[in-house]
Amino acid sequence: MPETTPDTTQSTVLAADRKLDPADAGACERLARTLCTRGHDQVDNPEWVAQARDAWEDLPLLLRREVRRFRRHSGPHGTLVIGGLPVDQAALPATPAVPGSVQRQATISAAVLTMVACGLGEPLAYLAEKSGALVQDVVPVPGQETFHGNAGSAPLSFHTENSFHPHPPDYVIFLCLRADHDRIAGMRVAGIRQALLLLTPAGRQALFAPEFISAPPPSFGPDAAATEPDVKPRPVLSGAVEDPDIRMGQLVTTPLTPRAAAALAEFGRACEATARTLRLTPGDLVVIDNRVTVHGRTAFHPRYDGADRWLQRTYVTTDLRRSRDHRPHDGHILAR
């Protein structure tokens, strides 16, 4: 792993790494519109996903190049932000405000997310979360302000997506459709390639030991932990000692030994010290390497007036076959 110096400024607010110019954004929108008008306009339809997979090849070169480079190596922060993507903002309906909101019908934003997912690998969903939809809404829901998940507006602690599952996603993609009213909501990201430099040798050793159990997140429902059979202890870090993978959620990962508890707290401090904050604007696409980067969220103040913060999210796997025993009919949804 290249030697780097961690960015210890927690308040770092980042703009997009790249931004599509108007010509490329227009080309991207025209291509996305074709996926909304070909008859098979259901996002979860395998034929529609196949069309999106083919359409990926016709996206503007800048977008394809940046995604492919990121797929090969996700860099020191494990995060890629590209601005200027089309979201058909003028035609957006009111921001959804109901639990479990998803995008089943093909839209410009859903098409963009799915094409990029196919450029990274294959889209993926979990039946127990958001009813198995491939494109999911991340919106504040009245009465769920303190919910520790995508429906809340309180701070969300650092986590990798679905660390409890035998097949967590390799990437998580977000597309911003609307920013929050006050422009204060921030997506927080912290990568192991920065945080690792702040860990003590003892802390690293403990994090590589199978002394942690991760439960399903609250988004999987209140009964998910009781029905999840895969509860064997796992390490938080695995793989190459100089460039490891992460599987953990500060809310759902339980240390089983005193040294594991100390190491998990140390890792949390390292993430805080190296965290970066993304203030997203409409059309910003965020790709997070879920294997090496944790993410969270700052607090914000929803108004529930139809114009609240609205992100859409898609999971991606680089190897769909490895989860074949979890996917009925070789589809994209993990049933267990």
C-alpha atoms as a PDB file:
ATOM      1  CA  MET A   1       0.000   0.000   0.000  1.00  0.00           C
ATOM      2  CA  PRO A   2       1.444   3.421  -0.900  1.00  0.00           C
ATOM      3  CA  GLU A   3       2.538   5.557   2.039  1.00  0.00           C
ATOM      4  CA  THR A   4      -0.018   8.295   2.665  1.00  0.00           C
ATOM      5  CA  THR A   5      -0.672  10.884   5.308  1.00  0.00           C
ATOM      6  CA  PRO A   6      -4.169  10.764   6.786  1.00  0.00           C
ATOM      7  CA  ASP A   7      -6.380  13.810   6.479  1.00  0.00           C
ATOM      8  CA  THR A   8      -7.213  14.566  10.101  1.00  0.00           C
ATOM      9  CA  THR A   9      -9.573  17.446   9.369  1.00  0.00           C
ATOM     10  CA  GLN A  10     -12.965  16.045  10.268  1.00  0.00           C
ATOM     11  CA  SER A  11     -14.820  19.015   8.783  1.00  0.00           C
ATOM     12  CA  THR A  12     -13.399  18.529   5.291  1.00  0.00           C
ATOM     13  CA  VAL A  13     -16.241  19.149   2.835  1.00  0.00           C
ATOM     14  CA  LEU A  14     -15.654  17.820  -0.641  1.00  0.00           C
ATOM     15  CA  ALA A  15     -17.026  18.661  -4.037  1.00  0.00           C
ATOM     16  CA  ALA A  16     -17.173  16.161  -6.888  1.00  0.00           C
ATOM     17  CA  ASP A  17     -13.921  14.569  -8.029  1.00  0.00           C
ATOM     18  CA  ARG A  18     -15.127  14.964 -11.610  1.00  0.00           C
ATOM     19  CA  LYS A  19     -18.122  16.635 -13.252  1.00  0.00           C
ATOM     20  CA  LEU A  20     -19.761  15.818 -16.553  1.00  0.00           C
ATOM     21  CA  ASP A  21     -19.873  18.712 -18.980  1.00  0.00           C
ATOM     22  CA  PRO A  22     -23.287  19.668 -20.388  1.00  0.00           C
ATOM     23  CA  ALA A  23     -22.750  17.683 -23.601  1.00  0.00           C
ATOM     24  CA  ASP A  24     -21.912  14.476 -21.733  1.00  0.00           C
ATOM     25  CA  ALA A  25     -24.745  15.038 -19.267  1.00  0.00           C
ATOM     26  CA  GLY A  26     -27.146  15.433 -22.173  1.00  0.00           C
ATOM     27  CA  ALA A  27     -25.894  12.255 -23.818  1.00  0.00           C
ATOM     28  CA  CYS A  28     -26.288  10.405 -20.532  1.00  0.00           C
ATOM     29  CA  GLU A  29     -29.846  11.672 -20.125  1.00  0.00           C
ATOM     30  CA  ARG A  30     -30.848  10.679 -23.655  1.00  0.00           C
ATOM     31  CA  LEU A  31     -29.504   7.175 -23.080  1.00  0.00           C
ATOM     32  CA  ALA A  32     -31.294   6.914 -19.738  1.00  0.00           C
ATOM     33  CA  ARG A  33     -34.554   7.986 -21.368  1.00  0.00           C
ATOM     34  CA  THR A  34     -34.343   5.124 -23.836  1.00  0.00           C
ATOM     35  CA  LEU A  35     -34.419   2.738 -20.863  1.00  0.00           C
ATOM     36  CA  CYS A  36     -37.630   4.380 -19.684  1.00  0.00           C
ATOM     37  CA  THR A  37     -39.454   3.939 -23.000  1.00  0.00           C
ATOM     38  CA  ARG A  38     -38.608   0.452 -24.267  1.00  0.00           C
ATOM     39  CA  GLY A  39     -41.610  -1.365 -22.879  1.00  0.00           C
ATOM     40  CA  HIS A  40     -39.794  -3.297 -20.139  1.00  0.00           C
ATOM     41  CA  ASP A  41     -39.854  -0.367 -17.732  1.00  0.00           C
ATOM     42  CA  GLN A  42     -39.825  -2.179 -14.409  1.00  0.00           C
ATOM     43  CA  VAL A  43     -36.486  -1.641 -12.664  1.00  0.00           C
ATOM     44  CA  ASP A  44     -36.451  -5.133 -11.116  1.00  0.00           C
ATOM     45  CA  ASN A  45     -37.265  -6.851 -14.410  1.00  0.00           C
ATOM     46  CA  PRO A  46     -34.243  -8.960 -15.511  1.00  0.00           C
ATOM     47  CA  GLU A  47     -34.800  -7.875 -19.111  1.00  0.00           C
ATOM     48  CA  TRP A  48     -34.614  -4.211 -18.085  1.00  0.00           C
ATOM     49  CA  VAL A  49     -31.396  -4.826 -16.151  1.00  0.00           C
ATOM     50  CA  ALA A  50     -29.978  -6.572 -19.245  1.00  0.00           C
ATOM     51  CA  GLN A  51     -30.812  -3.500 -21.339  1.00  0.00           C
ATOM     52  CA  ALA A  52     -29.122  -1.277 -18.773  1.00  0.00           C
ATOM     53  CA  ARG A  53     -26.058  -3.529 -18.886  1.00  0.00           C
ATOM     54  CA  ASP A  54     -25.817  -3.072 -22.657  1.00  0.00           C
ATOM     55  CA  ALA A  55     -26.484   0.670 -22.397  1.00  0.00           C
ATOM     56  CA  TRP A  56     -23.531   1.110 -20.044  1.00  0.00           C
ATOM     57  CA  GLU A  57     -21.215   0.714 -23.039  1.00  0.00           C
ATOM     58  CA  ASP A  58     -22.739   3.802 -24.665  1.00  0.00           C
ATOM     59  CA  LEU A  59     -22.330   6.159 -21.704  1.00  0.00           C
ATOM     60  CA  PRO A  60     -19.893   9.093 -22.096  1.00  0.00           C
ATOM     61  CA  LEU A  61     -16.226   8.143 -21.992  1.00  0.00           C
ATOM     62  CA  LEU A  62     -15.403  10.262 -18.920  1.00  0.00           C
ATOM     63  CA  LEU A  63     -17.967   8.442 -16.793  1.00  0.00           C
ATOM     64  CA  ARG A  64     -16.962   4.978 -18.007  1.00  0.00           C
ATOM     65  CA  ARG A  65     -13.260   5.713 -17.608  1.00  0.00           C
ATOM     66  CA  GLU A  66     -13.564   7.018 -14.051  1.00  0.00           C
ATOM     67  CA  VAL A  67     -15.742   4.105 -12.957  1.00  0.00           C
ATOM     68  CA  ARG A  68     -13.407   1.545 -14.531  1.00  0.00           C
ATOM     69  CA  ARG A  69     -10.355   3.100 -12.896  1.00  0.00           C
ATOM     70  CA  PHE A  70     -12.138   3.069  -9.554  1.00  0.00           C
ATOM     71  CA  ARG A  71     -13.129  -0.561 -10.055  1.00  0.00           C
ATOM     72  CA  ARG A  72      -9.467  -1.520 -10.501  1.00  0.00           C
ATOM     73  CA  HIS A  73      -8.318   0.430  -7.432  1.00  0.00           C
ATOM     74  CA  SER A  74     -10.564   2.646  -5.331  1.00  0.00           C
ATOM     75  CA  GLY A  75      -7.743   4.902  -4.169  1.00  0.00           C
ATOM     76  CA  PRO A  76      -6.765   6.183  -0.729  1.00  0.00           C
ATOM     77  CA  HIS A  77     -10.326   7.044   0.312  1.00  0.00           C
ATOM     78  CA  GLY A  78     -12.339   4.306  -1.411  1.00  0.00           C
ATOM     79  CA  THR A  79     -14.830   6.878  -2.668  1.00  0.00           C
ATOM     80  CA  LEU A  80     -15.569   8.365  -6.090  1.00  0.00           C
ATOM     81  CA  VAL A  81     -17.827  11.389  -6.628  1.00  0.00           C
ATOM     82  CA  ILE A  82     -18.921  12.442 -10.105  1.00  0.00           C
ATOM     83  CA  GLY A  83     -21.175  15.464 -10.505  1.00  0.00           C
ATOM     84  CA  GLY A  84     -23.498  16.588 -13.252  1.00  0.00           C
ATOM     85  CA  LEU A  85     -25.443  13.362 -13.740  1.00  0.00           C
ATOM     86  CA  PRO A  86     -29.021  13.753 -15.014  1.00  0.00           C
ATOM     87  CA  VAL A  87     -31.849  13.236 -12.514  1.00  0.00           C
ATOM     88  CA  ASP A  88     -34.701  14.917 -14.461  1.00  0.00           C
ATOM     89  CA  GLN A  89     -34.995  17.414 -11.630  1.00  0.00           C
ATOM     90  CA  ALA A  90     -37.763  19.471 -13.224  1.00  0.00           C
ATOM     91  CA  ALA A  91     -40.023  16.413 -13.410  1.00  0.00           C
ATOM     92  CA  LEU A  92     -39.253  14.980  -9.957  1.00  0.00           C
ATOM     93  CA  PRO A  93     -42.310  14.193  -7.847  1.00  0.00           C
ATOM     94  CA  ALA A  94     -42.492  15.064  -4.171  1.00  0.00           C
ATOM     95  CA  THR A  95     -39.824  13.418  -2.048  1.00  0.00           C
ATOM     96  CA  PRO A  96     -41.282  10.146  -0.715  1.00  0.00           C
ATOM     97  CA  ALA A  97     -42.049  10.196   3.005  1.00  0.00           C
ATOM     98  CA  VAL A  98     -43.213   6.664   3.735  1.00  0.00           C
ATOM     99  CA  PRO A  99     -41.302   3.733   5.257  1.00  0.00           C
ATOM    100  CA  GLY A 100     -39.685   1.314   2.819  1.00  0.00           C
ATOM    101  CA  SER A 101     -39.815   3.656  -0.173  1.00  0.00           C
ATOM    102  CA  VAL A 102     -38.254   2.200  -3.336  1.00  0.00           C
ATOM    103  CA  GLN A 103     -38.138   2.885  -7.077  1.00  0.00           C
ATOM    104  CA  ARG A 104     -39.858   0.153  -9.076  1.00  0.00           C
ATOM    105  CA  GLN A 105     -40.688   2.160 -12.199  1.00  0.00           C
ATOM    106  CA  ALA A 106     -37.909   3.114 -14.596  1.00  0.00           C
ATOM    107  CA  THR A 107     -36.836   6.738 -14.220  1.00  0.00           C
ATOM    108  CA  ILE A 108     -33.847   8.761 -15.374  1.00  0.00           C
ATOM    109  CA  SER A 109     -32.165   8.403 -11.980  1.00  0.00           C
ATOM    110  CA  ALA A 110     -32.898   4.671 -11.684  1.00  0.00           C
ATOM    111  CA  ALA A 111     -31.497   4.134 -15.184  1.00  0.00           C
ATOM    112  CA  VAL A 112     -28.304   6.038 -14.348  1.00  0.00           C
ATOM    113  CA  LEU A 113     -27.799   4.056 -11.141  1.00  0.00           C
ATOM    114  CA  THR A 114     -28.394   0.721 -12.828  1.00  0.00           C
ATOM    115  CA  MET A 115     -26.111   1.454 -15.785  1.00  0.00           C
ATOM    116  CA  VAL A 116     -23.278   2.436 -13.450  1.00  0.00           C
ATOM    117  CA  ALA A 117     -23.956  -0.645 -11.311  1.00  0.00           C
ATOM    118  CA  CYS A 118     -23.548  -2.789 -14.411  1.00  0.00           C
ATOM    119  CA  GLY A 119     -20.278  -1.023 -15.179  1.00  0.00           C
ATOM    120  CA  LEU A 120     -18.951  -1.947 -11.738  1.00  0.00           C
ATOM    121  CA  GLY A 121     -20.395  -5.475 -11.648  1.00  0.00           C
ATOM    122  CA  GLU A 122     -24.026  -6.503 -11.138  1.00  0.00           C
ATOM    123  CA  PRO A 123     -26.793  -4.834  -9.102  1.00  0.00           C
ATOM    124  CA  LEU A 124     -27.787  -6.651  -5.944  1.00  0.00           C
ATOM    125  CA  ALA A 125     -30.586  -6.465  -3.359  1.00  0.00           C
ATOM    126  CA  TYR A 126     -31.706  -8.269  -0.196  1.00  0.00           C
ATOM    127  CA  LEU A 127     -35.284  -9.485   0.093  1.00  0.00           C
ATOM    128  CA  ALA A 128     -35.465  -8.608   3.797  1.00  0.00           C
ATOM    129  CA  GLU A 129     -34.412  -5.008   3.155  1.00  0.00           C
ATOM    130  CA  LYS A 130     -36.656  -2.609   1.264  1.00  0.00           C
ATOM    131  CA  SER A 131     -38.605  -5.583  -0.147  1.00  0.00           C
ATOM    132  CA  GLY A 132     -35.681  -6.568  -2.366  1.00  0.00           C
ATOM    133  CA  ALA A 133     -35.814  -3.524  -4.665  1.00  0.00           C
ATOM    134  CA  LEU A 134     -32.708  -2.862  -6.742  1.00  0.00           C
ATOM    135  CA  VAL A 135     -33.107   0.937  -6.494  1.00  0.00           C
ATOM    136  CA  GLN A 136     -34.008   2.220  -3.040  1.00  0.00           C
ATOM    137  CA  ASP A 137     -34.957   5.665  -1.751  1.00  0.00           C
ATOM    138  CA  VAL A 138     -32.957   7.185   1.080  1.00  0.00           C
ATOM    139  CA  VAL A 139     -35.342   9.771   2.489  1.00  0.00           C
ATOM    140  CA  PRO A 140     -36.394  11.073   5.912  1.00  0.00           C
ATOM    141  CA  VAL A 141     -39.655   9.592   7.200  1.00  0.00           C
ATOM    142  CA  PRO A 142     -41.933  11.353   9.712  1.00  0.00           C
ATOM    143  CA  GLY A 143     -41.706   9.738  13.127  1.00  0.00           C
ATOM    144  CA  GLN A 144     -38.414   8.000  12.301  1.00  0.00           C
ATOM    145  CA  GLU A 145     -36.089  10.920  12.915  1.00  0.00           C
ATOM    146  CA  THR A 146     -33.938   8.935  15.359  1.00  0.00           C
ATOM    147  CA  PHE A 147     -34.055   5.711  13.332  1.00  0.00           C
ATOM    148  CA  HIS A 148     -30.522   4.453  12.807  1.00  0.00           C
ATOM    149  CA  GLY A 149     -30.834   3.849   9.104  1.00  0.00           C
ATOM    150  CA  ASN A 150     -31.786   5.361   5.776  1.00  0.00           C
ATOM    151  CA  ALA A 151     -35.181   6.684   7.006  1.00  0.00           C
ATOM    152  CA  GLY A 152     -33.693   8.783   9.820  1.00  0.00           C
ATOM    153  CA  SER A 153     -32.355  12.324  10.000  1.00  0.00           C
ATOM    154  CA  ALA A 154     -30.263  11.986  13.175  1.00  0.00           C
ATOM    155  CA  PRO A 155     -26.536  11.245  12.906  1.00  0.00           C
ATOM    156  CA  LEU A 156     -25.794   7.824  11.410  1.00  0.00           C
ATOM    157  CA  SER A 157     -22.690   6.047  12.731  1.00  0.00           C
ATOM    158  CA  PHE A 158     -19.984   4.520  10.580  1.00  0.00           C
ATOM    159  CA  HIS A 159     -20.706   1.164   8.962  1.00  0.00           C
ATOM    160  CA  THR A 160     -20.133  -1.010   5.962  1.00  0.00           C
ATOM    161  CA  GLU A 161     -23.329  -2.169   4.328  1.00  0.00           C
ATOM    162  CA  ASN A 162     -24.693  -5.519   5.516  1.00  0.00           C
ATOM    163  CA  SER A 163     -21.549  -6.676   7.290  1.00  0.00           C
ATOM    164  CA  PHE A 164     -23.492  -9.518   8.933  1.00  0.00           C
ATOM    165  CA  HIS A 165     -24.343 -11.202   5.630  1.00  0.00           C
ATOM    166  CA  PRO A 166     -22.178 -13.883   3.966  1.00  0.00           C
ATOM    167  CA  HIS A 167     -22.446 -11.818   0.764  1.00  0.00           C
ATOM    168  CA  PRO A 168     -22.247  -8.096   1.525  1.00  0.00           C
ATOM    169  CA  PRO A 169     -22.136  -5.733  -1.461  1.00  0.00           C
ATOM    170  CA  ASP A 170     -18.760  -4.766  -2.883  1.00  0.00           C
ATOM    171  CA  TYR A 171     -19.934  -1.264  -3.777  1.00  0.00           C
ATOM    172  CA  VAL A 172     -22.728   1.069  -2.720  1.00  0.00           C
ATOM    173  CA  ILE A 173     -23.842   3.737  -5.192  1.00  0.00           C
ATOM    174  CA  PHE A 174     -25.815   6.832  -4.231  1.00  0.00           C
ATOM    175  CA  LEU A 175     -27.322   9.424  -6.554  1.00  0.00           C
ATOM    176  CA  CYS A 176     -28.529  12.738  -5.117  1.00  0.00           C
ATOM    177  CA  LEU A 177     -31.900  13.844  -6.465  1.00  0.00           C
ATOM    178  CA  ARG A 178     -32.468  16.614  -3.904  1.00  0.00           C
ATOM    179  CA  ALA A 179     -30.313  18.189  -1.215  1.00  0.00           C
ATOM    180  CA  ASP A 180     -31.761  19.004   2.199  1.00  0.00           C
ATOM    181  CA  HIS A 181     -33.314  22.448   2.666  1.00  0.00           C
ATOM    182  CA  ASP A 182     -30.506  23.825   4.818  1.00  0.00           C
ATOM    183  CA  ARG A 183     -27.652  22.216   2.870  1.00  0.00           C
ATOM    184  CA  ILE A 184     -26.201  20.794   6.077  1.00  0.00           C
ATOM    185  CA  ALA A 185     -26.679  17.049   5.545  1.00  0.00           C
ATOM    186  CA  GLY A 186     -23.335  15.411   4.992  1.00  0.00           C
ATOM    187  CA  MET A 187     -22.373  11.914   3.920  1.00  0.00           C
ATOM    188  CA  ARG A 188     -19.353  10.969   6.015  1.00  0.00           C
ATOM    189  CA  VAL A 189     -16.786   8.517   4.620  1.00  0.00           C
ATOM    190  CA  ALA A 190     -13.652   7.016   6.163  1.00  0.00           C
ATOM    191  CA  GLY A 191     -11.358   4.558   4.413  1.00  0.00           C
ATOM    192  CA  ILE A 192      -9.197   1.878   5.990  1.00  0.00           C
ATOM    193  CA  ARG A 193      -6.231   2.970   3.862  1.00  0.00           C
ATOM    194  CA  GLN A 194      -6.136   6.181   5.908  1.00  0.00           C
ATOM    195  CA  ALA A 195      -7.410   4.895   9.259  1.00  0.00           C
ATOM    196  CA  LEU A 196      -4.989   1.943   9.305  1.00  0.00           C
ATOM    197  CA  LEU A 197      -2.061   4.317   9.758  1.00  0.00           C
ATOM    198  CA  LEU A 198      -3.483   5.452  13.107  1.00  0.00           C
ATOM    199  CA  LEU A 199      -3.999   1.988  14.603  1.00  0.00           C
ATOM    200  CA  THR A 200      -1.592   0.503  17.120  1.00  0.00           C
ATOM    201  CA  PRO A 201      -0.044  -2.911  16.367  1.00  0.00           C
ATOM    202  CA  ALA A 202      -2.146  -4.432  19.151  1.00  0.00           C
ATOM    203  CA  GLY A 203      -5.282  -2.836  17.768  1.00  0.00           C
ATOM    204  CA  ARG A 204      -4.604  -4.148  14.278  1.00  0.00           C
ATOM    205  CA  GLN A 205      -3.955  -7.634  15.600  1.00  0.00           C
ATOM    206  CA  ALA A 206      -7.220  -7.674  17.546  1.00  0.00           C
ATOM    207  CA  LEU A 207      -9.255  -6.391  14.598  1.00  0.00           C
ATOM    208  CA  PHE A 208      -7.944  -9.284  12.481  1.00  0.00           C
ATOM    209  CA  ALA A 209      -9.103 -11.821  15.095  1.00  0.00           C
ATOM    210  CA  PRO A 210     -12.566 -13.489  14.821  1.00  0.00           C
ATOM    211  CA  GLU A 211     -13.790 -11.858  18.015  1.00  0.00           C
ATOM    212  CA  PHE A 212     -16.755  -9.835  16.721  1.00  0.00           C
ATOM    213  CA  ILE A 213     -20.380 -10.587  15.839  1.00  0.00           C
ATOM    214  CA  SER A 214     -22.399  -8.338  13.520  1.00  0.00           C
ATOM    215  CA  ALA A 215     -26.202  -8.337  13.568  1.00  0.00           C
ATOM    216  CA  PRO A 216     -28.484  -7.259  10.713  1.00  0.00           C
ATOM    217  CA  PRO A 217     -29.021  -3.490  10.606  1.00  0.00           C
ATOM    218  CA  PRO A 218     -32.371  -1.953  11.636  1.00  0.00           C
ATOM    219  CA  SER A 219     -33.348  -1.598   7.951  1.00  0.00           C
ATOM    220  CA  PHE A 220     -33.787  -5.384   7.825  1.00  0.00           C
ATOM    221  CA  GLY A 221     -36.607  -5.195  10.364  1.00  0.00           C
ATOM    222  CA  PRO A 222     -36.912  -5.931  14.087  1.00  0.00           C
ATOM    223  CA  ASP A 223     -36.989  -9.726  13.694  1.00  0.00           C
ATOM    224  CA  ALA A 224     -33.996 -10.076  11.370  1.00  0.00           C
ATOM    225  CA  ALA A 225     -31.442 -10.730  14.107  1.00  0.00           C
ATOM    226  CA  ALA A 226     -33.500 -13.569  15.570  1.00  0.00           C
ATOM    227  CA  THR A 227     -33.884 -15.337  12.222  1.00  0.00           C
ATOM    228  CA  GLU A 228     -30.358 -14.830  10.866  1.00  0.00           C
ATOM    229  CA  PRO A 229     -28.527 -18.166  11.107  1.00  0.00           C
ATOM    230  CA  ASP A 230     -25.044 -16.894  10.267  1.00  0.00           C
ATOM    231  CA  VAL A 231     -23.923 -15.542  13.654  1.00  0.00           C
ATOM    232  CA  LYS A 232     -20.431 -16.985  13.839  1.00  0.00           C
ATOM    233  CA  PRO A 233     -17.709 -14.646  15.076  1.00  0.00           C
ATOM    234  CA  ARG A 234     -15.793 -12.782  12.370  1.00  0.00           C
ATOM    235  CA  PRO A 235     -12.901 -10.326  12.290  1.00  0.00           C
ATOM    236  CA  VAL A 236     -13.485  -6.664  11.521  1.00  0.00           C
ATOM    237  CA  LEU A 237     -10.443  -6.640   9.234  1.00  0.00           C
ATOM    238  CA  SER A 238      -9.470  -9.421   6.841  1.00  0.00           C
ATOM    239  CA  GLY A 239      -7.238 -10.047   3.853  1.00  0.00           C
ATOM    240  CA  ALA A 240      -3.899  -8.341   3.287  1.00  0.00           C
ATOM    241  CA  VAL A 241      -2.486  -6.837   6.468  1.00  0.00           C
ATOM    242  CA  GLU A 242      -1.234  -3.793   4.550  1.00  0.00           C
ATOM    243  CA  ASP A 243      -4.538  -3.208   2.717  1.00  0.00           C
ATOM    244  CA  PRO A 244      -7.354  -5.082   4.496  1.00  0.00           C
ATOM    245  CA  ASP A 245     -11.086  -5.294   3.931  1.00  0.00           C
ATOM    246  CA  ILE A 246     -13.579  -4.077   6.565  1.00  0.00           C
ATOM    247  CA  ARG A 247     -16.810  -5.631   7.832  1.00  0.00           C
ATOM    248  CA  MET A 248     -18.416  -3.773  10.693  1.00  0.00           C
ATOM    249  CA  GLY A 249     -21.134  -1.393  11.839  1.00  0.00           C
ATOM    250  CA  GLN A 250     -20.664   0.686  14.975  1.00  0.00           C
ATOM    251  CA  LEU A 251     -24.298   0.078  15.932  1.00  0.00           C
ATOM    252  CA  VAL A 252     -24.514  -3.636  15.102  1.00  0.00           C
ATOM    253  CA  THR A 253     -21.016  -5.073  15.667  1.00  0.00           C
ATOM    254  CA  THR A 254     -20.443  -6.526  19.149  1.00  0.00           C
ATOM    255  CA  PRO A 255     -16.930  -7.265  20.436  1.00  0.00           C
ATOM    256  CA  LEU A 256     -16.642 -10.582  22.283  1.00  0.00           C
ATOM    257  CA  THR A 257     -13.465  -9.934  24.296  1.00  0.00           C
ATOM    258  CA  PRO A 258     -11.998  -6.968  26.182  1.00  0.00           C
ATOM    259  CA  ARG A 259      -9.208  -6.581  23.616  1.00  0.00           C
ATOM    260  CA  ALA A 260     -11.769  -6.645  20.816  1.00  0.00           C
ATOM    261  CA  ALA A 261     -13.766  -3.899  22.542  1.00  0.00           C
ATOM    262  CA  ALA A 262     -10.659  -1.753  22.932  1.00  0.00           C
ATOM    263  CA  ALA A 263      -9.659  -2.328  19.299  1.00  0.00           C
ATOM    264  CA  LEU A 264     -13.124  -1.482  17.979  1.00  0.00           C
ATOM    265  CA  ALA A 265     -13.104   1.766  19.959  1.00  0.00           C
ATOM    266  CA  GLU A 266      -9.635   2.545  18.620  1.00  0.00           C
ATOM    267  CA  PHE A 267     -10.820   1.884  15.080  1.00  0.00           C
ATOM    268  CA  GLY A 268     -13.775   4.211  15.615  1.00  0.00           C
ATOM    269  CA  ARG A 269     -11.440   6.993  16.721  1.00  0.00           C
ATOM    270  CA  ALA A 270      -9.244   6.423  13.675  1.00  0.00           C
ATOM    271  CA  CYS A 271     -12.278   6.688  11.412  1.00  0.00           C
ATOM    272  CA  GLU A 272     -13.365   9.912  13.098  1.00  0.00           C
ATOM    273  CA  ALA A 273      -9.872  11.372  12.707  1.00  0.00           C
ATOM    274  CA  THR A 274      -9.696  10.602   8.986  1.00  0.00           C
ATOM    275  CA  ALA A 275     -13.348  11.115   8.003  1.00  0.00           C
ATOM    276  CA  ARG A 276     -14.337  13.311   5.109  1.00  0.00           C
ATOM    277  CA  THR A 277     -17.746  14.895   4.590  1.00  0.00           C
ATOM    278  CA  LEU A 278     -19.575  15.062   1.258  1.00  0.00           C
ATOM    279  CA  ARG A 279     -22.201  17.750   0.827  1.00  0.00           C
ATOM    280  CA  LEU A 280     -24.178  16.365  -2.097  1.00  0.00           C
ATOM    281  CA  THR A 281     -26.061  18.409  -4.674  1.00  0.00           C
ATOM    282  CA  PRO A 282     -28.549  17.130  -7.286  1.00  0.00           C
ATOM    283  CA  GLY A 283     -26.777  15.048  -9.900  1.00  0.00           C
ATOM    284  CA  ASP A 284     -23.896  13.999  -7.654  1.00  0.00           C
ATOM    285  CA  LEU A 285     -23.108  10.297  -7.975  1.00  0.00           C
ATOM    286  CA  VAL A 286     -21.176   8.691  -5.099  1.00  0.00           C
ATOM    287  CA  VAL A 287     -19.541   5.280  -5.434  1.00  0.00           C
ATOM    288  CA  ILE A 288     -18.291   3.781  -2.154  1.00  0.00           C
ATOM    289  CA  ASP A 289     -16.014   0.747  -2.080  1.00  0.00           C
ATOM    290  CA  ASN A 290     -17.860  -1.114   0.677  1.00  0.00           C
ATOM    291  CA  ARG A 291     -14.892  -3.424   1.185  1.00  0.00           C
ATOM    292  CA  VAL A 292     -12.508  -0.725   2.388  1.00  0.00           C
ATOM    293  CA  THR A 293     -14.667   2.269   3.356  1.00  0.00           C
ATOM    294  CA  VAL A 294     -17.226   2.949   6.071  1.00  0.00           C
ATOM    295  CA  HIS A 295     -19.824   5.658   5.727  1.00  0.00           C
ATOM    296  CA  GLY A 296     -22.330   7.511   7.864  1.00  0.00           C
ATOM    297  CA  ARG A 297     -24.344  10.735   7.922  1.00  0.00           C
ATOM    298  CA  THR A 298     -24.552  14.006   9.808  1.00  0.00           C
ATOM    299  CA  ALA A 299     -27.855  15.236  11.216  1.00  0.00           C
ATOM    300  CA  PHE A 300     -30.244  17.435   9.233  1.00  0.00           C
ATOM    301  CA  HIS A 301     -33.710  18.931   9.656  1.00  0.00           C
ATOM    302  CA  PRO A 302     -36.456  17.563   7.388  1.00  0.00           C
ATOM    303  CA  ARG A 303     -39.593  19.617   6.810  1.00  0.00           C
ATOM    304  CA  TYR A 304     -41.764  16.907   5.238  1.00  0.00           C
ATOM    305  CA  ASP A 305     -42.987  19.358   2.624  1.00  0.00           C
ATOM    306  CA  GLY A 306     -42.223  17.266  -0.467  1.00  0.00           C
ATOM    307  CA  ALA A 307     -38.850  18.899  -1.047  1.00  0.00           C
ATOM    308  CA  ASP A 308     -36.696  17.089   1.513  1.00  0.00           C
ATOM    309  CA  ARG A 309     -33.350  15.416   0.908  1.00  0.00           C
ATOM    310  CA  TRP A 310     -33.668  12.502  -1.518  1.00  0.00           C
ATOM    311  CA  LEU A 311     -30.959  10.065  -2.449  1.00  0.00           C
ATOM    312  CA  GLN A 312     -31.356   6.809  -4.340  1.00  0.00           C
ATOM    313  CA  ARG A 313     -29.163   3.797  -3.603  1.00  0.00           C
ATOM    314  CA  THR A 314     -28.078   0.630  -5.369  1.00  0.00           C
ATOM    315  CA  TYR A 315     -25.822  -2.200  -4.190  1.00  0.00           C
ATOM    316  CA  VAL A 316     -23.271  -3.852  -6.474  1.00  0.00           C
ATOM    317  CA  THR A 317     -21.414  -7.156  -6.427  1.00  0.00           C
ATOM    318  CA  THR A 318     -18.349  -7.843  -8.546  1.00  0.00           C
ATOM    319  CA  ASP A 319     -19.067 -11.590  -8.582  1.00  0.00           C
ATOM    320  CA  LEU A 320     -22.747 -12.469  -8.782  1.00  0.00           C
ATOM    321  CA  ARG A 321     -22.093 -16.192  -8.947  1.00  0.00           C
ATOM    322  CA  ARG A 322     -20.578 -16.444  -5.471  1.00  0.00           C
ATOM    323  CA  SER A 323     -24.046 -15.833  -3.988  1.00  0.00           C
ATOM    324  CA  ARG A 324     -25.842 -18.243  -6.330  1.00  0.00           C
ATOM    325  CA  ASP A 325     -27.177 -20.384  -3.480  1.00  0.00           C
ATOM    326  CA  HIS A 326     -28.906 -17.316  -2.005  1.00  0.00           C
ATOM    327  CA  ARG A 327     -30.564 -16.132  -5.250  1.00  0.00           C
ATOM    328  CA  PRO A 328     -33.646 -17.982  -6.539  1.00  0.00           C
ATOM    329  CA  HIS A 329     -33.786 -18.386 -10.320  1.00  0.00           C
ATOM    330  CA  ASP A 330     -30.326 -16.805 -10.660  1.00  0.00           C
ATOM    331  CA  GLY A 331     -31.841 -13.353 -10.133  1.00  0.00           C
ATOM    332  CA  HIS A 332     -30.369 -10.269  -8.471  1.00  0.00           C
ATOM    333  CA  ILE A 333     -32.177 -10.590  -5.130  1.00  0.00           C
ATOM    334  CA  LEU A 334     -30.686 -12.455  -2.170  1.00  0.00           C
ATOM    335  CA  ALA A 335     -33.594 -14.265  -0.544  1.00  0.00           C
ATOM    336  CA  ARG A 336     -31.631 -15.192   2.569  1.00  0.00           C
END
